Amino acid sequence: MKKIGASTAGLGVILVIILLFAGGCGYNVPSDMVAVHVTAGPFQAKKVVGCVQPASRKFWTNDDYPLFPTSEREWDATGQSGSDAKPFQSVTNDNVVMDIPVTIRFTLITDCETLKAFYVKYARRNGAEFHADGTYNDQWETTLRKLVADPADQTLDRIVQGFNWRKVWNDPDTKVKIEQAMTQALNSDNSLLVQTAKGTYFDGLSVLVGNSNPDNPDLAASVAQEQTLVAQAESEEAQAKADKQKALAQVAVAKAEAEKQRATIEGYRLKGMSAKEALRAYNEAQLIAAGGNPYQPSFGAALTPTQ
């Protein structure tokens, strides 16, 4: 019986070793990730016990080591190929729905206590997984949408309410103001991100706002037509002003020429001459200068045959 008991105990030990080696695969944490250490041995319940720092490796363990990125991440709501979502939509203070492309960059806080809380409250509950090659599952994206994108979208709604749609649409200064206001709001201690997650799990948040457009394309078309008409009217007004200035200049030149002519004629006016006589003297001088002779002989009365 003792031999049988010893043999059974030995087999039990061997079986445990086999189970450990068969089920355990260890971990290899990349340099830009941190792992949460979750015990998962064959004889104990799963329990979060700590974290494994970047660039760490261990073989033959049956525990779980879910990975989380330490590098900057982003939520791309621009609607481009490969983006996370379509542009956010917000309503301006003149009740126009605007499509606003937004990119939110952030970093997951990975100090161990914060990361463990994030894992328990959200990642494990949602089934979110981030893989060593940088890929992730849909549940990870869903988690970020709930904790980052949705509160950021609501924050943008509140900010855009302070502007009319034309400012949001094509005013560069307004775009900068929206970016700055949104970045400041998301980084505040009582931001909607903090309220939504009931804790602070992200930092280093920054916002980039793209070129916004009214959801109704007819608005943009009507403004373009209006600007064309304004430009045409301004062009016509400018042409009219130019024509008027040209006419005034021509009148001024004519007046100057006339004054010059009068001064020239006046130079032929000798003492005691009338203006008419001065004009005749001027004309005679012009004729002489042209090779003519103003002093043609005058024959008076016709000669008689006897003469």
Protein backbone atom coordinates (compact mmCIF):
# COMPACT_ATOMS: atom_id res chain seq x y z
CA MET A 1 0.00 0.00 0.00
CA LYS A 2 2.86 2.36 0.81
CA LYS A 3 4.42 1.62 -2.55
CA ILE A 4 1.12 2.26 -4.29
CA GLY A 5 0.68 5.57 -2.40
CA ALA A 6 4.18 6.68 -3.25
CA SER A 7 3.70 5.77 -6.87
CA THR A 8 0.43 7.66 -6.97
CA ALA A 9 2.02 10.73 -5.40
CA GLY A 10 4.86 10.55 -7.89
CA LEU A 11 2.46 10.33 -10.77
CA GLY A 12 0.60 13.33 -9.35
CA VAL A 13 3.74 15.42 -9.28
CA ILE A 14 4.64 14.35 -12.80
CA LEU A 15 1.11 15.18 -13.96
CA VAL A 16 1.30 18.67 -12.41
CA ILE A 17 4.67 19.26 -14.08
CA ILE A 18 3.28 18.11 -17.41
CA LEU A 19 0.26 20.39 -17.02
CA LEU A 20 2.45 23.33 -16.16
CA PHE A 21 4.77 22.79 -19.10
CA ALA A 22 1.91 22.02 -21.48
CA GLY A 23 -0.22 24.99 -20.50
CA GLY A 24 2.47 27.57 -19.77
CA CYS A 25 4.09 29.56 -22.54
CA GLY A 26 5.74 32.47 -20.71
CA TYR A 27 5.82 36.06 -21.90
CA ASN A 28 7.93 38.38 -23.98
CA VAL A 29 6.97 42.02 -23.35
CA PRO A 30 7.99 44.40 -26.20
CA SER A 31 9.99 47.53 -25.40
CA ASP A 32 7.00 49.81 -25.98
CA MET A 33 4.52 47.86 -23.86
CA VAL A 34 3.72 46.94 -20.27
CA ALA A 35 2.00 43.72 -19.20
CA VAL A 36 -0.42 43.18 -16.35
CA HIS A 37 0.39 40.02 -14.39
CA VAL A 38 -2.69 37.87 -13.83
CA THR A 39 -2.21 34.60 -11.97
CA ALA A 40 -3.94 31.70 -13.72
CA GLY A 41 -2.41 28.50 -12.35
CA PRO A 42 -4.32 25.22 -12.44
CA PHE A 43 -5.05 25.34 -8.70
CA GLN A 44 -5.80 29.04 -8.09
CA ALA A 45 -8.32 31.65 -9.19
CA LYS A 46 -7.28 34.42 -11.57
CA LYS A 47 -5.93 37.39 -9.67
CA VAL A 48 -4.22 40.62 -10.74
CA VAL A 49 -0.97 40.69 -8.80
CA GLY A 50 1.29 43.20 -10.54
CA CYS A 51 2.88 44.41 -13.78
CA VAL A 52 5.76 43.41 -16.01
CA GLN A 53 7.90 46.21 -17.36
CA PRO A 54 8.91 46.71 -21.03
CA ALA A 55 11.54 44.46 -22.63
CA SER A 56 11.01 41.64 -20.13
CA ARG A 57 10.94 37.91 -20.87
CA LYS A 58 10.10 34.75 -18.98
CA PHE A 59 9.59 31.13 -19.98
CA TRP A 60 7.28 28.46 -18.67
CA THR A 61 4.59 30.19 -16.68
CA ASN A 62 0.92 29.46 -16.73
CA ASP A 63 -0.13 33.01 -15.79
CA ASP A 64 -1.65 35.57 -18.15
CA TYR A 65 0.13 38.75 -19.21
CA PRO A 66 -2.22 41.05 -21.16
CA LEU A 67 -0.29 43.78 -22.94
CA PHE A 68 -0.86 47.54 -23.02
CA PRO A 69 0.98 50.16 -25.12
CA THR A 70 3.22 52.81 -23.59
CA SER A 71 3.59 54.70 -26.90
CA GLU A 72 1.28 57.47 -28.06
CA ARG A 73 -2.02 56.32 -29.52
CA GLU A 74 -4.69 58.22 -31.44
CA TRP A 75 -8.36 58.22 -32.27
CA ASP A 76 -8.71 59.24 -35.90
CA ALA A 77 -12.17 60.62 -36.62
CA THR A 78 -11.43 62.00 -40.09
CA GLY A 79 -13.30 59.53 -42.29
CA GLN A 80 -10.19 58.81 -44.34
CA SER A 81 -9.12 55.33 -45.40
CA GLY A 82 -7.87 53.50 -42.31
CA SER A 83 -9.36 55.97 -39.85
CA ASP A 84 -11.26 54.89 -36.75
CA ALA A 85 -14.47 56.78 -37.47
CA LYS A 86 -16.22 59.40 -39.55
CA PRO A 87 -15.75 63.10 -38.65
CA PHE A 88 -17.53 64.32 -35.55
CA GLN A 89 -20.74 66.28 -36.06
CA SER A 90 -21.50 69.41 -34.03
CA VAL A 91 -24.14 72.12 -34.27
CA THR A 92 -23.09 75.78 -34.42
CA ASN A 93 -24.82 78.67 -32.66
CA ASP A 94 -26.77 79.40 -35.86
CA ASN A 95 -28.04 75.80 -35.98
CA VAL A 96 -25.91 74.42 -38.80
CA VAL A 97 -24.63 70.84 -38.55
CA MET A 98 -20.90 70.73 -39.28
CA ASP A 99 -18.76 67.71 -40.18
CA ILE A 100 -15.52 68.26 -38.24
CA PRO A 101 -12.51 65.96 -38.80
CA VAL A 102 -10.69 65.46 -35.49
CA THR A 103 -7.62 63.49 -34.47
CA ILE A 104 -7.08 62.96 -30.74
CA ARG A 105 -3.63 61.82 -29.62
CA PHE A 106 -3.10 60.44 -26.11
CA THR A 107 -1.06 58.06 -23.98
CA LEU A 108 -2.44 55.33 -21.73
CA ILE A 109 -1.16 55.81 -18.17
CA THR A 110 0.87 52.68 -17.43
CA ASP A 111 2.02 53.05 -13.85
CA CYS A 112 1.11 49.72 -12.30
CA GLU A 113 -1.75 50.70 -9.99
CA THR A 114 -3.51 52.79 -12.65
CA LEU A 115 -2.98 50.13 -15.31
CA LYS A 116 -4.33 47.35 -13.08
CA ALA A 117 -7.45 49.41 -12.40
CA PHE A 118 -7.92 50.08 -16.11
CA TYR A 119 -7.52 46.38 -16.87
CA VAL A 120 -10.06 45.28 -14.26
CA LYS A 121 -12.66 47.98 -14.93
CA TYR A 122 -12.53 48.11 -18.72
CA ALA A 123 -10.08 45.93 -20.66
CA ARG A 124 -10.97 42.59 -19.01
CA ARG A 125 -14.66 43.41 -18.80
CA ASN A 126 -14.84 44.38 -22.49
CA GLY A 127 -12.53 41.62 -23.70
CA ALA A 128 -10.10 44.18 -25.12
CA GLU A 129 -6.74 42.82 -26.27
CA PHE A 130 -3.62 44.55 -27.55
CA HIS A 131 -1.11 42.27 -29.28
CA ALA A 132 2.70 42.32 -29.30
CA ASP A 133 2.82 43.14 -33.03
CA GLY A 134 0.81 46.34 -32.47
CA THR A 135 -2.53 44.99 -33.63
CA TYR A 136 -5.62 44.89 -31.44
CA ASN A 137 -9.11 43.45 -31.49
CA ASP A 138 -12.43 45.20 -32.02
CA GLN A 139 -13.11 45.27 -28.30
CA TRP A 140 -10.01 47.40 -27.73
CA GLU A 141 -11.28 49.89 -30.30
CA THR A 142 -14.73 49.82 -28.69
CA THR A 143 -13.15 50.56 -25.31
CA LEU A 144 -11.31 53.59 -26.71
CA ARG A 145 -14.47 54.79 -28.44
CA LYS A 146 -16.38 54.73 -25.16
CA LEU A 147 -13.64 56.24 -23.02
CA VAL A 148 -11.95 58.67 -25.46
CA ALA A 149 -13.95 59.32 -28.61
CA ASP A 150 -17.45 59.73 -27.13
CA PRO A 151 -16.51 62.22 -24.38
CA ALA A 152 -14.27 64.10 -26.86
CA ASP A 153 -17.20 64.34 -29.27
CA GLN A 154 -19.41 65.79 -26.52
CA THR A 155 -16.66 68.24 -25.56
CA LEU A 156 -16.45 69.44 -29.16
CA ASP A 157 -20.24 69.95 -29.23
CA ARG A 158 -20.02 72.37 -26.32
CA ILE A 159 -17.15 74.33 -27.87
CA VAL A 160 -18.63 74.65 -31.37
CA GLN A 161 -21.81 76.14 -29.86
CA GLY A 162 -19.79 79.32 -29.39
CA PHE A 163 -19.25 79.94 -33.13
CA ASN A 164 -21.33 80.47 -36.26
CA TRP A 165 -20.96 78.00 -39.08
CA ARG A 166 -19.03 80.25 -41.45
CA LYS A 167 -16.35 80.77 -38.81
CA VAL A 168 -16.07 77.03 -38.20
CA TRP A 169 -16.07 76.42 -41.95
CA ASN A 170 -13.35 78.69 -43.28
CA ASP A 171 -11.78 80.85 -40.57
CA PRO A 172 -8.26 79.63 -39.63
CA ASP A 173 -8.27 81.54 -36.33
CA THR A 174 -11.50 79.80 -35.30
CA LYS A 175 -10.00 76.38 -36.06
CA VAL A 176 -7.04 77.19 -33.82
CA LYS A 177 -9.36 78.36 -31.04
CA ILE A 178 -11.37 75.12 -31.25
CA GLU A 179 -8.20 73.01 -31.12
CA GLN A 180 -6.86 74.91 -28.12
CA ALA A 181 -10.16 74.90 -26.23
CA MET A 182 -10.70 71.18 -26.84
CA THR A 183 -7.15 70.24 -25.83
CA GLN A 184 -7.46 72.26 -22.63
CA ALA A 185 -10.88 70.80 -21.81
CA LEU A 186 -9.79 67.18 -22.33
CA ASN A 187 -6.70 67.64 -20.15
CA SER A 188 -8.57 69.21 -17.23
CA ASP A 189 -9.00 67.29 -13.98
CA ASN A 190 -12.77 67.16 -14.39
CA SER A 191 -12.89 66.55 -18.13
CA LEU A 192 -15.62 64.45 -19.69
CA LEU A 193 -12.97 61.74 -20.21
CA VAL A 194 -12.36 61.59 -16.46
CA GLN A 195 -16.08 61.69 -15.70
CA THR A 196 -16.88 58.97 -18.22
CA ALA A 197 -14.11 56.60 -17.06
CA LYS A 198 -14.60 57.55 -13.39
CA GLY A 199 -10.87 58.01 -13.17
CA THR A 200 -7.82 59.29 -15.04
CA TYR A 201 -6.39 56.70 -17.41
CA PHE A 202 -5.05 58.89 -20.24
CA ASP A 203 -2.65 61.83 -20.39
CA GLY A 204 -0.75 63.89 -22.96
CA LEU A 205 -3.94 64.56 -24.87
CA SER A 206 -3.72 66.79 -27.93
CA VAL A 207 -6.26 67.65 -30.61
CA LEU A 208 -5.88 68.36 -34.33
CA VAL A 209 -8.91 69.77 -36.16
CA GLY A 210 -9.12 69.43 -39.95
CA ASN A 211 -11.06 71.46 -42.49
CA SER A 212 -14.72 71.43 -41.48
CA ASN A 213 -17.67 71.46 -43.86
CA PRO A 214 -21.41 71.96 -43.44
CA ASP A 215 -23.28 68.68 -43.53
CA ASN A 216 -25.60 70.30 -46.06
CA PRO A 217 -23.43 70.88 -49.18
CA ASP A 218 -25.92 73.42 -50.57
CA LEU A 219 -24.77 75.91 -47.92
CA ALA A 220 -21.22 75.85 -49.16
CA ALA A 221 -22.43 76.09 -52.77
CA SER A 222 -24.60 79.12 -51.96
CA VAL A 223 -21.69 80.87 -50.27
CA ALA A 224 -19.48 80.15 -53.26
CA GLN A 225 -22.10 81.67 -55.57
CA GLU A 226 -22.48 84.64 -53.26
CA GLN A 227 -18.73 85.19 -53.22
CA THR A 228 -18.67 85.01 -57.02
CA LEU A 229 -21.37 87.67 -57.27
CA VAL A 230 -19.58 89.84 -54.72
CA ALA A 231 -16.32 89.47 -56.59
CA GLN A 232 -18.05 90.36 -59.87
CA ALA A 233 -19.69 93.43 -58.32
CA GLU A 234 -16.40 94.53 -56.80
CA SER A 235 -14.70 94.07 -60.15
CA GLU A 236 -17.33 96.15 -61.93
CA GLU A 237 -17.13 98.84 -59.25
CA ALA A 238 -13.36 98.91 -59.56
CA GLN A 239 -13.64 99.20 -63.37
CA ALA A 240 -16.13 102.07 -63.04
CA LYS A 241 -13.80 103.89 -60.68
CA ALA A 242 -10.90 103.34 -63.07
CA ASP A 243 -12.93 104.67 -66.03
CA LYS A 244 -13.96 107.72 -64.02
CA GLN A 245 -10.37 108.43 -63.01
CA LYS A 246 -9.29 108.04 -66.63
CA ALA A 247 -11.95 110.50 -67.82
CA LEU A 248 -10.99 113.01 -65.14
CA ALA A 249 -7.36 112.66 -66.15
CA GLN A 250 -8.23 113.26 -69.80
CA VAL A 251 -10.22 116.37 -68.90
CA ALA A 252 -7.33 117.63 -66.81
CA VAL A 253 -4.91 117.05 -69.70
CA ALA A 254 -7.25 118.88 -72.12
CA LYS A 255 -7.53 121.80 -69.72
CA ALA A 256 -3.79 121.95 -69.35
CA GLU A 257 -3.29 121.87 -73.09
CA ALA A 258 -5.85 124.65 -73.54
CA GLU A 259 -4.15 126.78 -70.90
CA LYS A 260 -0.85 126.17 -72.59
CA GLN A 261 -2.30 127.19 -75.97
CA ARG A 262 -3.81 130.33 -74.55
CA ALA A 263 -0.50 131.25 -72.95
CA THR A 264 1.27 130.72 -76.26
CA ILE A 265 -1.19 132.92 -78.16
CA GLU A 266 -0.99 135.52 -75.44
CA GLY A 267 2.75 135.74 -76.15
CA TYR A 268 1.94 137.25 -79.61
CA ARG A 269 -0.20 139.96 -78.13
CA LEU A 270 1.60 143.27 -78.35
CA LYS A 271 0.63 146.31 -76.43
CA GLY A 272 -2.65 147.70 -77.61
CA MET A 273 -3.60 144.51 -79.48
CA SER A 274 -6.96 142.89 -79.01
CA ALA A 275 -7.27 139.16 -78.36
CA LYS A 276 -8.46 138.71 -81.96
CA GLU A 277 -5.41 140.51 -83.31
CA ALA A 278 -3.14 138.39 -81.13
CA LEU A 279 -4.76 135.21 -82.49
CA ARG A 280 -4.18 136.46 -86.06
CA ALA A 281 -0.55 137.20 -85.29
CA TYR A 282 -0.18 133.67 -83.85
CA ASN A 283 -1.78 132.06 -86.91
CA GLU A 284 0.43 134.08 -89.22
CA ALA A 285 3.50 132.96 -87.32
CA GLN A 286 2.36 129.32 -87.58
CA LEU A 287 1.83 129.70 -91.34
CA ILE A 288 5.26 131.24 -91.83
CA ALA A 289 6.81 128.42 -89.76
CA ALA A 290 5.09 125.94 -92.09
CA GLY A 291 6.60 127.64 -95.16
CA GLY A 292 3.55 129.66 -96.11
CA ASN A 293 3.22 133.39 -96.83
CA PRO A 294 0.41 135.18 -95.07
CA TYR A 295 1.25 138.42 -96.82
CA GLN A 296 -0.11 137.76 -100.36
CA PRO A 297 -0.27 140.91 -102.67
CA SER A 298 -3.61 142.68 -102.82
CA PHE A 299 -4.49 144.02 -106.31
CA GLY A 300 -7.31 146.27 -105.20
CA ALA A 301 -9.58 147.55 -108.05
CA ALA A 302 -9.34 146.08 -111.54
CA LEU A 303 -6.98 147.90 -113.97
CA THR A 304 -8.50 149.82 -116.90
CA PRO A 305 -7.37 149.14 -120.53
CA THR A 306 -5.49 152.44 -120.71
CA GLN A 307 -3.51 151.55 -117.67
